[in-house]
C-alpha atoms as a PDB file:
ATOM      1  CA  MET A   1      62.785  19.964  42.271  1.00  0.00           C
ATOM      2  CA  PRO A   2      60.096  20.487  39.835  1.00  0.00           C
ATOM      3  CA  ALA A   3      56.605  18.790  39.787  1.00  0.00           C
ATOM      4  CA  PRO A   4      56.450  16.447  37.000  1.00  0.00           C
ATOM      5  CA  THR A   5      55.693  17.561  33.246  1.00  0.00           C
ATOM      6  CA  ILE A   6      53.573  14.734  31.327  1.00  0.00           C
ATOM      7  CA  ASP A   7      54.883  14.640  27.673  1.00  0.00           C
ATOM      8  CA  PRO A   8      52.703  16.839  25.837  1.00  0.00           C
ATOM      9  CA  THR A   9      52.799  14.891  22.542  1.00  0.00           C
ATOM     10  CA  THR A  10      50.654  12.141  24.290  1.00  0.00           C
ATOM     11  CA  SER A  11      47.817  10.892  22.093  1.00  0.00           C
ATOM     12  CA  VAL A  12      46.016   7.364  22.021  1.00  0.00           C
ATOM     13  CA  LEU A  13      44.061   6.844  18.704  1.00  0.00           C
ATOM     14  CA  GLY A  14      42.570   3.742  16.677  1.00  0.00           C
ATOM     15  CA  TYR A  15      42.358   1.272  18.956  1.00  0.00           C
ATOM     16  CA  LYS A  16      39.166  -1.356  18.425  1.00  0.00           C
ATOM     17  CA  GLN A  17      36.471  -1.701  20.795  1.00  0.00           C
ATOM     18  CA  TRP A  18      37.157  -4.966  22.751  1.00  0.00           C
ATOM     19  CA  GLU A  19      40.740  -4.978  21.514  1.00  0.00           C
ATOM     20  CA  TYR A  20      43.450  -5.499  24.785  1.00  0.00           C
ATOM     21  CA  TRP A  21      46.055  -3.004  24.663  1.00  0.00           C
ATOM     22  CA  GLN A  22      48.470  -0.996  27.002  1.00  0.00           C
ATOM     23  CA  TYR A  23      49.830   2.453  27.157  1.00  0.00           C
ATOM     24  CA  GLN A  24      52.511   3.872  29.061  1.00  0.00           C
ATOM     25  CA  PRO A  25      52.305   7.530  29.662  1.00  0.00           C
ATOM     26  CA  TYR A  26      55.676   9.438  30.473  1.00  0.00           C
ATOM     27  CA  ALA A  27      56.235  12.267  32.687  1.00  0.00           C
ATOM     28  CA  THR A  28      59.833  14.536  32.810  1.00  0.00           C
ATOM     29  CA  ASP A  29      61.990  13.878  35.750  1.00  0.00           C
ATOM     30  CA  SER A  30      59.954  10.740  36.805  1.00  0.00           C
ATOM     31  CA  SER A  31      63.117   8.574  36.039  1.00  0.00           C
ATOM     32  CA  PHE A  32      64.989   9.973  39.122  1.00  0.00           C
ATOM     33  CA  LEU A  33      62.462  11.942  41.587  1.00  0.00           C
ATOM     34  CA  PRO A  34      61.249   9.971  44.474  1.00  0.00           C
ATOM     35  CA  VAL A  35      57.816   9.017  43.490  1.00  0.00           C
ATOM     36  CA  VAL A  36      54.894   9.724  40.548  1.00  0.00           C
ATOM     37  CA  LEU A  37      51.701   8.787  41.580  1.00  0.00           C
ATOM     38  CA  TRP A  38      49.194   8.620  38.423  1.00  0.00           C
ATOM     39  CA  GLU A  39      45.625   9.461  38.281  1.00  0.00           C
ATOM     40  CA  ALA A  40      43.187   9.328  35.251  1.00  0.00           C
ATOM     41  CA  LYS A  41      39.662  10.760  35.014  1.00  0.00           C
ATOM     42  CA  GLY A  42      37.388   9.837  31.854  1.00  0.00           C
ATOM     43  CA  LEU A  43      39.019   6.531  30.956  1.00  0.00           C
ATOM     44  CA  PRO A  44      36.666   4.295  28.408  1.00  0.00           C
ATOM     45  CA  ASP A  45      34.830   1.882  30.421  1.00  0.00           C
ATOM     46  CA  GLY A  46      37.197  -1.509  30.555  1.00  0.00           C
ATOM     47  CA  MET A  47      40.398   0.491  30.955  1.00  0.00           C
ATOM     48  CA  THR A  48      42.389   0.854  34.228  1.00  0.00           C
ATOM     49  CA  ILE A  49      45.500   3.113  35.270  1.00  0.00           C
ATOM     50  CA  ASP A  50      47.929   1.479  37.567  1.00  0.00           C
ATOM     51  CA  ALA A  51      47.620   4.222  40.544  1.00  0.00           C
ATOM     52  CA  PRO A  52      47.637   2.134  43.714  1.00  0.00           C
ATOM     53  CA  THR A  53      47.106   4.278  46.883  1.00  0.00           C
ATOM     54  CA  LEU A  54      47.323   1.535  49.761  1.00  0.00           C
ATOM     55  CA  TYR A  55      49.474   2.374  52.481  1.00  0.00           C
ATOM     56  CA  ILE A  56      50.698  -0.505  54.679  1.00  0.00           C
ATOM     57  CA  ALA A  57      52.034  -0.243  58.329  1.00  0.00           C
ATOM     58  CA  THR A  58      55.347  -1.315  58.604  1.00  0.00           C
ATOM     59  CA  THR A  59      58.027  -2.221  61.136  1.00  0.00           C
ATOM     60  CA  GLY A  60      62.041  -3.444  60.819  1.00  0.00           C
ATOM     61  CA  ALA A  61      64.431  -4.513  62.598  1.00  0.00           C
ATOM     62  CA  ALA A  62      68.160  -2.994  62.448  1.00  0.00           C
ATOM     63  CA  SER A  63      69.728  -6.018  63.154  1.00  0.00           C
ATOM     64  CA  THR A  64      68.601  -8.041  60.210  1.00  0.00           C
ATOM     65  CA  ASP A  65      67.524  -5.202  57.737  1.00  0.00           C
ATOM     66  CA  ILE A  66      64.246  -7.310  57.659  1.00  0.00           C
ATOM     67  CA  ILE A  67      61.250  -5.160  57.211  1.00  0.00           C
ATOM     68  CA  THR A  68      57.628  -6.593  58.111  1.00  0.00           C
ATOM     69  CA  ALA A  69      54.488  -5.311  56.187  1.00  0.00           C
ATOM     70  CA  THR A  70      51.637  -6.958  57.452  1.00  0.00           C
ATOM     71  CA  GLY A  71      48.844  -8.129  54.655  1.00  0.00           C
ATOM     72  CA  SER A  72      51.691  -7.057  52.254  1.00  0.00           C
ATOM     73  CA  ALA A  73      52.059  -8.976  48.687  1.00  0.00           C
ATOM     74  CA  PHE A  74      55.104  -7.595  47.582  1.00  0.00           C
ATOM     75  CA  ALA A  75      57.185  -9.293  45.071  1.00  0.00           C
ATOM     76  CA  ASN A  76      61.032  -9.113  44.481  1.00  0.00           C
ATOM     77  CA  GLY A  77      61.771  -6.144  41.963  1.00  0.00           C
ATOM     78  CA  ASP A  78      58.831  -4.188  42.979  1.00  0.00           C
ATOM     79  CA  LYS A  79      59.200  -0.419  43.653  1.00  0.00           C
ATOM     80  CA  VAL A  80      58.025   1.140  46.784  1.00  0.00           C
ATOM     81  CA  TYR A  81      58.501   4.002  48.868  1.00  0.00           C
ATOM     82  CA  PHE A  82      57.673   5.479  52.459  1.00  0.00           C
ATOM     83  CA  THR A  83      55.050   7.996  53.048  1.00  0.00           C
ATOM     84  CA  ALA A  84      55.847   8.212  56.640  1.00  0.00           C
ATOM     85  CA  LEU A  85      58.922   6.745  58.686  1.00  0.00           C
ATOM     86  CA  THR A  86      59.940   6.356  62.243  1.00  0.00           C
ATOM     87  CA  GLY A  87      63.540   5.274  63.090  1.00  0.00           C
ATOM     88  CA  GLY A  88      65.275   3.159  60.135  1.00  0.00           C
ATOM     89  CA  ALA A  89      68.205   5.556  59.933  1.00  0.00           C
ATOM     90  CA  GLY A  90      69.964   5.047  56.310  1.00  0.00           C
ATOM     91  CA  LEU A  91      66.254   5.085  55.095  1.00  0.00           C
ATOM     92  CA  ALA A  92      63.995   8.340  53.851  1.00  0.00           C
ATOM     93  CA  VAL A  93      60.395   8.734  53.125  1.00  0.00           C
ATOM     94  CA  ASN A  94      59.570   9.893  49.350  1.00  0.00           C
ATOM     95  CA  THR A  95      62.473   7.703  48.045  1.00  0.00           C
ATOM     96  CA  ARG A  96      61.785   4.812  45.678  1.00  0.00           C
ATOM     97  CA  TYR A  97      63.407   1.629  46.847  1.00  0.00           C
ATOM     98  CA  TYR A  98      63.176  -2.040  45.434  1.00  0.00           C
ATOM     99  CA  VAL A  99      61.840  -5.073  47.057  1.00  0.00           C
ATOM    100  CA  VAL A 100      64.478  -7.681  47.661  1.00  0.00           C
ATOM    101  CA  ASN A 101      64.272 -11.028  49.493  1.00  0.00           C
ATOM    102  CA  VAL A 102      60.617 -11.417  49.835  1.00  0.00           C
ATOM    103  CA  SER A 103      59.384 -13.965  52.229  1.00  0.00           C
ATOM    104  CA  GLY A 104      55.865 -13.644  53.003  1.00  0.00           C
ATOM    105  CA  ALA A 105      55.277 -10.277  54.458  1.00  0.00           C
ATOM    106  CA  THR A 106      58.702  -9.676  54.858  1.00  0.00           C
ATOM    107  CA  PHE A 107      61.367  -8.200  52.891  1.00  0.00           C
ATOM    108  CA  LYS A 108      64.476  -5.910  52.343  1.00  0.00           C
ATOM    109  CA  LEU A 109      65.136  -3.023  50.454  1.00  0.00           C
ATOM    110  CA  ALA A 110      67.617  -1.769  47.871  1.00  0.00           C
ATOM    111  CA  LEU A 111      68.368   1.210  45.847  1.00  0.00           C
ATOM    112  CA  THR A 112      68.418  -0.941  42.716  1.00  0.00           C
ATOM    113  CA  SER A 113      66.333  -3.836  41.315  1.00  0.00           C
ATOM    114  CA  GLY A 114      68.269  -7.356  42.615  1.00  0.00           C
ATOM    115  CA  GLY A 115      70.775  -5.118  44.681  1.00  0.00           C
ATOM    116  CA  THR A 116      72.317  -5.213  47.969  1.00  0.00           C
ATOM    117  CA  ALA A 117      69.828  -4.997  50.954  1.00  0.00           C
ATOM    118  CA  ILE A 118      70.264  -1.375  52.570  1.00  0.00           C
ATOM    119  CA  ASP A 119      71.766  -1.529  56.058  1.00  0.00           C
ATOM    120  CA  PHE A 120      69.845   0.849  58.182  1.00  0.00           C
ATOM    121  CA  THR A 121      70.864   1.498  61.551  1.00  0.00           C
ATOM    122  CA  THR A 122      68.072   1.624  64.039  1.00  0.00           C
ATOM    123  CA  ASP A 123      64.649  -0.113  64.326  1.00  0.00           C
ATOM    124  CA  ILE A 124      61.667   1.310  62.357  1.00  0.00           C
ATOM    125  CA  THR A 125      59.423   1.559  64.917  1.00  0.00           C
ATOM    126  CA  ALA A 126      56.212   2.977  62.696  1.00  0.00           C
ATOM    127  CA  ALA A 127      56.100   3.654  59.104  1.00  0.00           C
ATOM    128  CA  THR A 128      53.580   3.244  56.076  1.00  0.00           C
ATOM    129  CA  ILE A 129      54.941   1.978  53.062  1.00  0.00           C
ATOM    130  CA  SER A 130      53.409   1.888  49.436  1.00  0.00           C
ATOM    131  CA  LYS A 131      54.022   0.488  45.903  1.00  0.00           C
ATOM    132  CA  VAL A 132      55.022   3.229  43.257  1.00  0.00           C
ATOM    133  CA  SER A 133      52.236   3.418  40.767  1.00  0.00           C
ATOM    134  CA  THR A 134      53.455   3.001  37.097  1.00  0.00           C
ATOM    135  CA  GLY A 135      50.812   4.933  35.385  1.00  0.00           C
ATOM    136  CA  LEU A 136      50.333   1.975  32.873  1.00  0.00           C
ATOM    137  CA  ILE A 137      46.981   2.192  31.188  1.00  0.00           C
ATOM    138  CA  SER A 138      45.565  -0.825  30.055  1.00  0.00           C
ATOM    139  CA  GLY A 139      42.369  -3.244  29.379  1.00  0.00           C
ATOM    140  CA  ALA A 140      39.876  -3.430  26.639  1.00  0.00           C
ATOM    141  CA  ALA A 141      37.337  -0.710  25.928  1.00  0.00           C
ATOM    142  CA  THR A 142      33.783  -1.868  25.715  1.00  0.00           C
ATOM    143  CA  VAL A 143      32.113   0.986  24.085  1.00  0.00           C
ATOM    144  CA  PRO A 144      33.622   3.043  21.239  1.00  0.00           C
ATOM    145  CA  GLY A 145      34.248   6.885  20.834  1.00  0.00           C
ATOM    146  CA  VAL A 146      36.460   9.581  21.838  1.00  0.00           C
ATOM    147  CA  PHE A 147      37.246   9.979  25.291  1.00  0.00           C
ATOM    148  CA  VAL A 148      38.797  12.941  26.967  1.00  0.00           C
ATOM    149  CA  VAL A 149      41.154  11.692  29.727  1.00  0.00           C
ATOM    150  CA  GLU A 150      42.833  13.751  32.152  1.00  0.00           C
ATOM    151  CA  LEU A 151      45.891  12.596  33.604  1.00  0.00           C
ATOM    152  CA  LYS A 152      47.724  13.636  36.509  1.00  0.00           C
ATOM    153  CA  ALA A 153      51.319  12.739  37.779  1.00  0.00           C
ATOM    154  CA  THR A 154      52.223  13.540  41.330  1.00  0.00           C
ATOM    155  CA  ASN A 155      55.802  13.614  43.084  1.00  0.00           C
ATOM    156  CA  ALA A 156      56.741  15.326  46.364  1.00  0.00           C
ATOM    157  CA  GLU A 157      56.891  18.811  44.452  1.00  0.00           C
ATOM    158  CA  GLY A 158      53.505  19.043  42.891  1.00  0.00           C
ATOM    159  CA  THR A 159      51.381  17.668  40.261  1.00  0.00           C
ATOM    160  CA  GLY A 160      51.257  18.038  36.390  1.00  0.00           C
ATOM    161  CA  ARG A 161      48.474  17.611  34.549  1.00  0.00           C
ATOM    162  CA  LEU A 162      47.633  16.798  30.601  1.00  0.00           C
ATOM    163  CA  ILE A 163      44.124  16.333  28.555  1.00  0.00           C
ATOM    164  CA  VAL A 164      44.789  13.057  26.430  1.00  0.00           C
ATOM    165  CA  PRO A 165      42.206  11.984  23.541  1.00  0.00           C
ATOM    166  CA  ILE A 166      41.583   8.495  23.308  1.00  0.00           C
ATOM    167  CA  GLY A 167      39.916   7.032  20.220  1.00  0.00           C
ATOM    168  CA  ILE A 168      38.204   3.647  20.685  1.00  0.00           C
ATOM    169  CA  THR A 169      36.651   2.621  17.214  1.00  0.00           C
ATOM    170  CA  PRO A 170      33.655   0.339  16.644  1.00  0.00           C
ATOM    171  CA  GLN A 171      34.412  -3.517  16.090  1.00  0.00           C
ATOM    172  CA  ALA A 172      31.839  -5.282  13.905  1.00  0.00           C
ATOM    173  CA  GLY A 173      31.749  -8.866  15.624  1.00  0.00           C
ATOM    174  CA  SER A 174      32.716  -7.832  19.014  1.00  0.00           C
ATOM    175  CA  ASN A 175      32.679 -10.035  21.940  1.00  0.00           C
ATOM    176  CA  SER A 176      29.354  -8.414  23.306  1.00  0.00           C
ATOM    177  CA  PHE A 177      27.615 -11.402  22.112  1.00  0.00           C
ATOM    178  CA  TYR A 178      29.273 -14.150  24.161  1.00  0.00           C
ATOM    179  CA  PRO A 179      27.127 -15.501  27.362  1.00  0.00           C
ATOM    180  CA  ASP A 180      28.106 -14.121  30.414  1.00  0.00           C
ATOM    181  CA  VAL A 181      28.909 -16.328  33.401  1.00  0.00           C
ATOM    182  CA  GLU A 182      29.582 -14.973  36.751  1.00  0.00           C
ATOM    183  CA  ILE A 183      31.436 -16.699  39.404  1.00  0.00           C
ATOM    184  CA  ASP A 184      31.507 -16.145  43.187  1.00  0.00           C
ATOM    185  CA  VAL A 185      35.018 -16.999  44.374  1.00  0.00           C
ATOM    186  CA  VAL A 186      33.772 -16.902  48.351  1.00  0.00           C
ATOM    187  CA  THR A 187      30.407 -19.274  47.794  1.00  0.00           C
ATOM    188  CA  ARG A 188      31.931 -20.744  44.262  1.00  0.00           C
ATOM    189  CA  GLU A 189      28.032 -20.440  42.870  1.00  0.00           C
ATOM    190  CA  VAL A 190      27.854 -19.695  39.299  1.00  0.00           C
ATOM    191  CA  LEU A 191      25.324 -17.317  37.435  1.00  0.00           C
ATOM    192  CA  TRP A 192      24.840 -19.173  34.325  1.00  0.00           C
ATOM    193  CA  PRO A 193      22.918 -17.360  31.656  1.00  0.00           C
ATOM    194  CA  GLY A 194      20.653 -20.158  30.641  1.00  0.00           C
ATOM    195  CA  CYS A 195      22.252 -21.229  27.273  1.00  0.00           C
ATOM    196  CA  VAL A 196      21.997 -24.551  26.208  1.00  0.00           C
ATOM    197  CA  ILE A 197      24.717 -26.608  24.614  1.00  0.00           C
ATOM    198  CA  LYS A 198      24.366 -28.252  21.288  1.00  0.00           C
ATOM    199  CA  LEU A 199      26.382 -31.155  19.631  1.00  0.00           C
ATOM    200  CA  HIS A 200      28.815 -29.410  17.496  1.00  0.00           C
ATOM    201  CA  ASP A 201      28.646 -25.929  19.128  1.00  0.00           C
ATOM    202  CA  ALA A 202      31.570 -24.013  19.314  1.00  0.00           C
ATOM    203  CA  LEU A 203      30.739 -21.824  22.422  1.00  0.00           C
ATOM    204  CA  ILE A 204      32.764 -19.242  23.835  1.00  0.00           C
ATOM    205  CA  LEU A 205      31.896 -18.158  27.385  1.00  0.00           C
ATOM    206  CA  ARG A 206      32.764 -14.671  28.802  1.00  0.00           C
ATOM    207  CA  VAL A 207      33.687 -15.433  32.437  1.00  0.00           C
ATOM    208  CA  ALA A 208      33.619 -13.024  35.389  1.00  0.00           C
ATOM    209  CA  PHE A 209      34.694 -13.561  38.853  1.00  0.00           C
ATOM    210  CA  LYS A 210      33.179 -11.629  42.006  1.00  0.00           C
ATOM    211  CA  ASN A 211      34.459 -11.331  45.520  1.00  0.00           C
ATOM    212  CA  SER A 212      31.703  -9.983  48.167  1.00  0.00           C
ATOM    213  CA  GLY A 213      29.712  -8.321  45.052  1.00  0.00           C
ATOM    214  CA  SER A 214      32.583  -6.872  43.277  1.00  0.00           C
ATOM    215  CA  TYR A 215      34.551  -7.940  40.122  1.00  0.00           C
ATOM    216  CA  ILE A 216      38.033  -8.938  40.526  1.00  0.00           C
ATOM    217  CA  ASP A 217      41.087  -9.248  38.550  1.00  0.00           C
ATOM    218  CA  MET A 218      42.072 -12.908  39.053  1.00  0.00           C
ATOM    219  CA  ASP A 219      45.932 -13.654  38.225  1.00  0.00           C
ATOM    220  CA  LEU A 220      44.850 -17.404  36.369  1.00  0.00           C
ATOM    221  CA  THR A 221      46.858 -19.922  34.894  1.00  0.00           C
ATOM    222  CA  GLY A 222      44.299 -22.374  33.997  1.00  0.00           C
ATOM    223  CA  LEU A 223      40.610 -22.297  33.248  1.00  0.00           C
ATOM    224  CA  ARG A 224      38.132 -24.769  32.010  1.00  0.00           C
ATOM    225  CA  MET A 225      34.502 -26.193  32.108  1.00  0.00           C
ATOM    226  CA  VAL A 226      33.436 -29.969  31.927  1.00  0.00           C
ATOM    227  CA  LEU A 227      30.220 -31.729  31.592  1.00  0.00           C
ATOM    228  CA  LYS A 228      29.250 -34.900  32.521  1.00  0.00           C
ATOM    229  CA  GLN A 229      25.915 -36.766  32.400  1.00  0.00           C
ATOM    230  CA  GLU A 230      25.999 -38.385  35.994  1.00  0.00           C
ATOM    231  CA  GLU A 231      28.381 -37.827  38.512  1.00  0.00           C
ATOM    232  CA  THR A 232      30.285 -41.003  38.379  1.00  0.00           C
ATOM    233  CA  GLU A 233      30.483 -40.840  34.690  1.00  0.00           C
ATOM    234  CA  SER A 234      33.189 -39.931  32.060  1.00  0.00           C
ATOM    235  CA  ILE A 235      33.572 -36.415  30.911  1.00  0.00           C
ATOM    236  CA  LEU A 236      31.592 -35.659  27.771  1.00  0.00           C
ATOM    237  CA  VAL A 237      32.606 -32.093  27.169  1.00  0.00           C
ATOM    238  CA  LYS A 238      35.830 -30.097  28.198  1.00  0.00           C
ATOM    239  CA  GLY A 239      36.861 -26.780  27.351  1.00  0.00           C
ATOM    240  CA  ASN A 240      40.183 -25.147  28.662  1.00  0.00           C
ATOM    241  CA  THR A 241      41.212 -22.848  26.252  1.00  0.00           C
ATOM    242  CA  PHE A 242      40.842 -19.078  27.605  1.00  0.00           C
ATOM    243  CA  ALA A 243      42.197 -15.699  26.879  1.00  0.00           C
ATOM    244  CA  LYS A 244      41.671 -12.603  28.905  1.00  0.00           C
ATOM    245  CA  VAL A 245      40.161  -9.142  28.105  1.00  0.00           C
ATOM    246  CA  GLY A 246      40.000  -6.213  30.122  1.00  0.00           C
ATOM    247  CA  ALA A 247      41.799  -5.688  33.574  1.00  0.00           C
ATOM    248  CA  GLY A 248      40.696  -4.622  36.851  1.00  0.00           C
ATOM    249  CA  THR A 249      36.860  -4.696  38.129  1.00  0.00           C
ATOM    250  CA  ALA A 250      36.406  -5.187  34.154  1.00  0.00           C
ATOM    251  CA  ALA A 251      38.773  -8.129  33.840  1.00  0.00           C
ATOM    252  CA  ARG A 252      36.973 -10.957  31.546  1.00  0.00           C
ATOM    253  CA  TYR A 253      38.076 -14.203  30.660  1.00  0.00           C
ATOM    254  CA  LEU A 254      37.111 -15.752  27.222  1.00  0.00           C
ATOM    255  CA  LEU A 255      36.599 -19.170  27.624  1.00  0.00           C
ATOM    256  CA  TYR A 256      36.378 -21.677  24.779  1.00  0.00           C
ATOM    257  CA  ILE A 257      33.974 -24.966  24.926  1.00  0.00           C
ATOM    258  CA  PRO A 258      34.214 -27.328  21.971  1.00  0.00           C
ATOM    259  CA  ALA A 259      31.198 -29.594  22.133  1.00  0.00           C
ATOM    260  CA  SER A 260      32.079 -32.150  19.768  1.00  0.00           C
ATOM    261  CA  ASP A 261      33.463 -35.286  21.320  1.00  0.00           C
ATOM    262  CA  ALA A 262      32.350 -38.603  20.463  1.00  0.00           C
ATOM    263  CA  ALA A 263      31.244 -39.284  23.863  1.00  0.00           C
ATOM    264  CA  PHE A 264      28.882 -36.342  23.825  1.00  0.00           C
ATOM    265  CA  ALA A 265      27.183 -37.660  20.557  1.00  0.00           C
ATOM    266  CA  ALA A 266      26.888 -41.050  22.008  1.00  0.00           C
ATOM    267  CA  ALA A 267      25.158 -39.655  25.555  1.00  0.00           C
ATOM    268  CA  LEU A 268      22.728 -38.109  23.105  1.00  0.00           C
ATOM    269  CA  ALA A 269      21.855 -40.674  20.968  1.00  0.00           C
ATOM    270  CA  ASP A 270      21.326 -42.599  24.777  1.00  0.00           C
ATOM    271  CA  SER A 271      18.644 -39.862  25.258  1.00  0.00           C
ATOM    272  CA  GLU A 272      16.911 -40.212  21.901  1.00  0.00           C
ATOM    273  CA  ASP A 273      12.935 -39.622  22.826  1.00  0.00           C
ATOM    274  CA  ASN A 274      12.049 -40.942  19.253  1.00  0.00           C
ATOM    275  CA  ILE A 275       8.679 -38.638  19.415  1.00  0.00           C
ATOM    276  CA  PRO A 276       8.502 -37.191  16.241  1.00  0.00           C
ATOM    277  CA  LEU A 277       7.647 -33.606  16.204  1.00  0.00           C
ATOM    278  CA  ASP A 278       6.481 -33.574  12.562  1.00  0.00           C
ATOM    279  CA  ALA A 279       5.216 -36.702  10.809  1.00  0.00           C
ATOM    280  CA  ALA A 280       6.012 -35.790   7.121  1.00  0.00           C
ATOM    281  CA  SER A 281       9.719 -35.045   8.474  1.00  0.00           C
ATOM    282  CA  GLY A 282      10.280 -37.553  11.025  1.00  0.00           C
ATOM    283  CA  LEU A 283      12.346 -35.162  13.122  1.00  0.00           C
ATOM    284  CA  SER A 284      12.806 -35.804  16.843  1.00  0.00           C
ATOM    285  CA  THR A 285      14.426 -34.213  19.764  1.00  0.00           C
ATOM    286  CA  THR A 286      17.177 -35.434  22.403  1.00  0.00           C
ATOM    287  CA  GLY A 287      18.610 -33.760  25.399  1.00  0.00           C
ATOM    288  CA  PHE A 288      19.218 -34.505  28.936  1.00  0.00           C
ATOM    289  CA  PRO A 289      20.002 -31.855  32.035  1.00  0.00           C
ATOM    290  CA  ALA A 290      24.074 -32.225  31.712  1.00  0.00           C
ATOM    291  CA  LEU A 291      26.143 -31.669  35.324  1.00  0.00           C
ATOM    292  CA  ALA A 292      28.826 -28.881  34.748  1.00  0.00           C
ATOM    293  CA  GLU A 293      31.513 -27.552  36.685  1.00  0.00           C
ATOM    294  CA  ILE A 294      33.937 -24.779  36.129  1.00  0.00           C
ATOM    295  CA  SER A 295      37.630 -24.800  37.737  1.00  0.00           C
ATOM    296  CA  TRP A 296      40.336 -22.479  37.726  1.00  0.00           C
ATOM    297  CA  THR A 297      43.940 -22.270  38.770  1.00  0.00           C
ATOM    298  CA  VAL A 298      45.569 -19.110  40.303  1.00  0.00           C
ATOM    299  CA  ASN A 299      48.997 -17.984  41.570  1.00  0.00           C
ATOM    300  CA  ASN A 300      49.353 -18.541  45.061  1.00  0.00           C
ATOM    301  CA  ALA A 301      50.560 -15.020  46.457  1.00  0.00           C
ATOM    302  CA  SER A 302      49.742 -15.563  49.906  1.00  0.00           C
ATOM    303  CA  GLY A 303      53.283 -16.656  50.872  1.00  0.00           C
ATOM    304  CA  ILE A 304      52.518 -19.185  53.083  1.00  0.00           C
ATOM    305  CA  SER A 305      55.464 -21.424  54.018  1.00  0.00           C
ATOM    306  CA  GLY A 306      55.225 -24.648  52.523  1.00  0.00           C
ATOM    307  CA  SER A 307      52.068 -23.967  50.388  1.00  0.00           C
ATOM    308  CA  PRO A 308      51.785 -24.573  46.624  1.00  0.00           C
ATOM    309  CA  THR A 309      52.913 -22.018  44.227  1.00  0.00           C
ATOM    310  CA  THR A 310      49.491 -22.206  42.416  1.00  0.00           C
ATOM    311  CA  LEU A 311      45.773 -23.063  43.821  1.00  0.00           C
ATOM    312  CA  ASN A 312      43.353 -25.392  41.935  1.00  0.00           C
ATOM    313  CA  GLN A 313      39.821 -23.954  42.783  1.00  0.00           C
ATOM    314  CA  SER A 314      36.370 -25.173  41.373  1.00  0.00           C
ATOM    315  CA  SER A 315      32.646 -23.818  41.337  1.00  0.00           C
ATOM    316  CA  LYS A 316      29.645 -25.648  42.566  1.00  0.00           C
ATOM    317  CA  THR A 317      28.067 -28.126  40.050  1.00  0.00           C
ATOM    318  CA  PHE A 318      25.160 -26.851  38.338  1.00  0.00           C
ATOM    319  CA  LEU A 319      23.024 -28.062  35.635  1.00  0.00           C
ATOM    320  CA  ILE A 320      22.753 -26.923  31.540  1.00  0.00           C
ATOM    321  CA  GLU A 321      20.548 -28.152  29.069  1.00  0.00           C
ATOM    322  CA  ALA A 322      22.524 -30.225  26.810  1.00  0.00           C
ATOM    323  CA  GLU A 323      20.970 -30.872  23.333  1.00  0.00           C
ATOM    324  CA  ARG A 324      21.261 -32.069  19.641  1.00  0.00           C
ATOM    325  CA  ASP A 325      20.402 -30.547  16.601  1.00  0.00           C
ATOM    326  CA  LEU A 326      17.180 -32.350  15.113  1.00  0.00           C
ATOM    327  CA  GLU A 327      17.813 -34.832  12.733  1.00  0.00           C
ATOM    328  CA  PRO A 328      16.247 -37.476  10.715  1.00  0.00           C
ATOM    329  CA  THR A 329      14.990 -40.497  12.885  1.00  0.00           C
ATOM    330  CA  GLN A 330      17.743 -43.341  12.412  1.00  0.00           C
ATOM    331  CA  ALA A 331      15.998 -46.537  11.811  1.00  0.00           C
END
């Protein structure tokens, strides 16, 4: 069987900076050859390619056709292949299979998505297994320009290569002006950029998550931030509308915070200091250090029996300066 040949008509032009997009490259023979591994060099910042290289130690019982891959997070329908295999008569290395009947770290394999599990007739005593990479390129390029990207597609017979130009045009009013917020998912510490929140602000935050100092891609189903004046009092500001841009280590989550609730206005009015800044205008300031918290909901991929399908988590409480725009002092 020949090595893959990547479609030579490939080119990607015209996407804008900060615009999220996806591109699926195509290689001949990839539809029926056992495995195609994809690589890309020179992608624009913010773009990633699906190219998993993690091999997981595996065992399997012939009596049940159940395979165990400790630490795996496979889902039904995932395409996988064995990179090495001892035992497991009826299975083979470098053959594409579909994961079925997932339960935690255990699963079975089929020849088609959702198909009948393969009956292998001897125990798998040692093996390594990996997901088949799709080569999907996705994300939101953070810088404009023309990028010369080298694509590689590899199967058991060899590697095919192709140079692909990717053109990203500058976008006025990009999301580069949004305040950056970083959250450590282990310590729950929040790195706040220091910006204030004022009454009637429409604030959009660009939230990033980190684990052990590295940016991570979160499978979020919810993200919000709330403000209070005191811990025991009502919520003054709540933002829970968000959108994801980028993927992998470039994943960011734009969170919209509308600061116009009547409760927020009332809390600021209670904090009026009535000290004129200018005798002619009678202007004065209001403000207080607000308690803030960011919370998020993620899909639960742990496979732990009895655990919920989603997990709710939240940051440590931190302080934000809440202020009202200067206005004439009320009589």
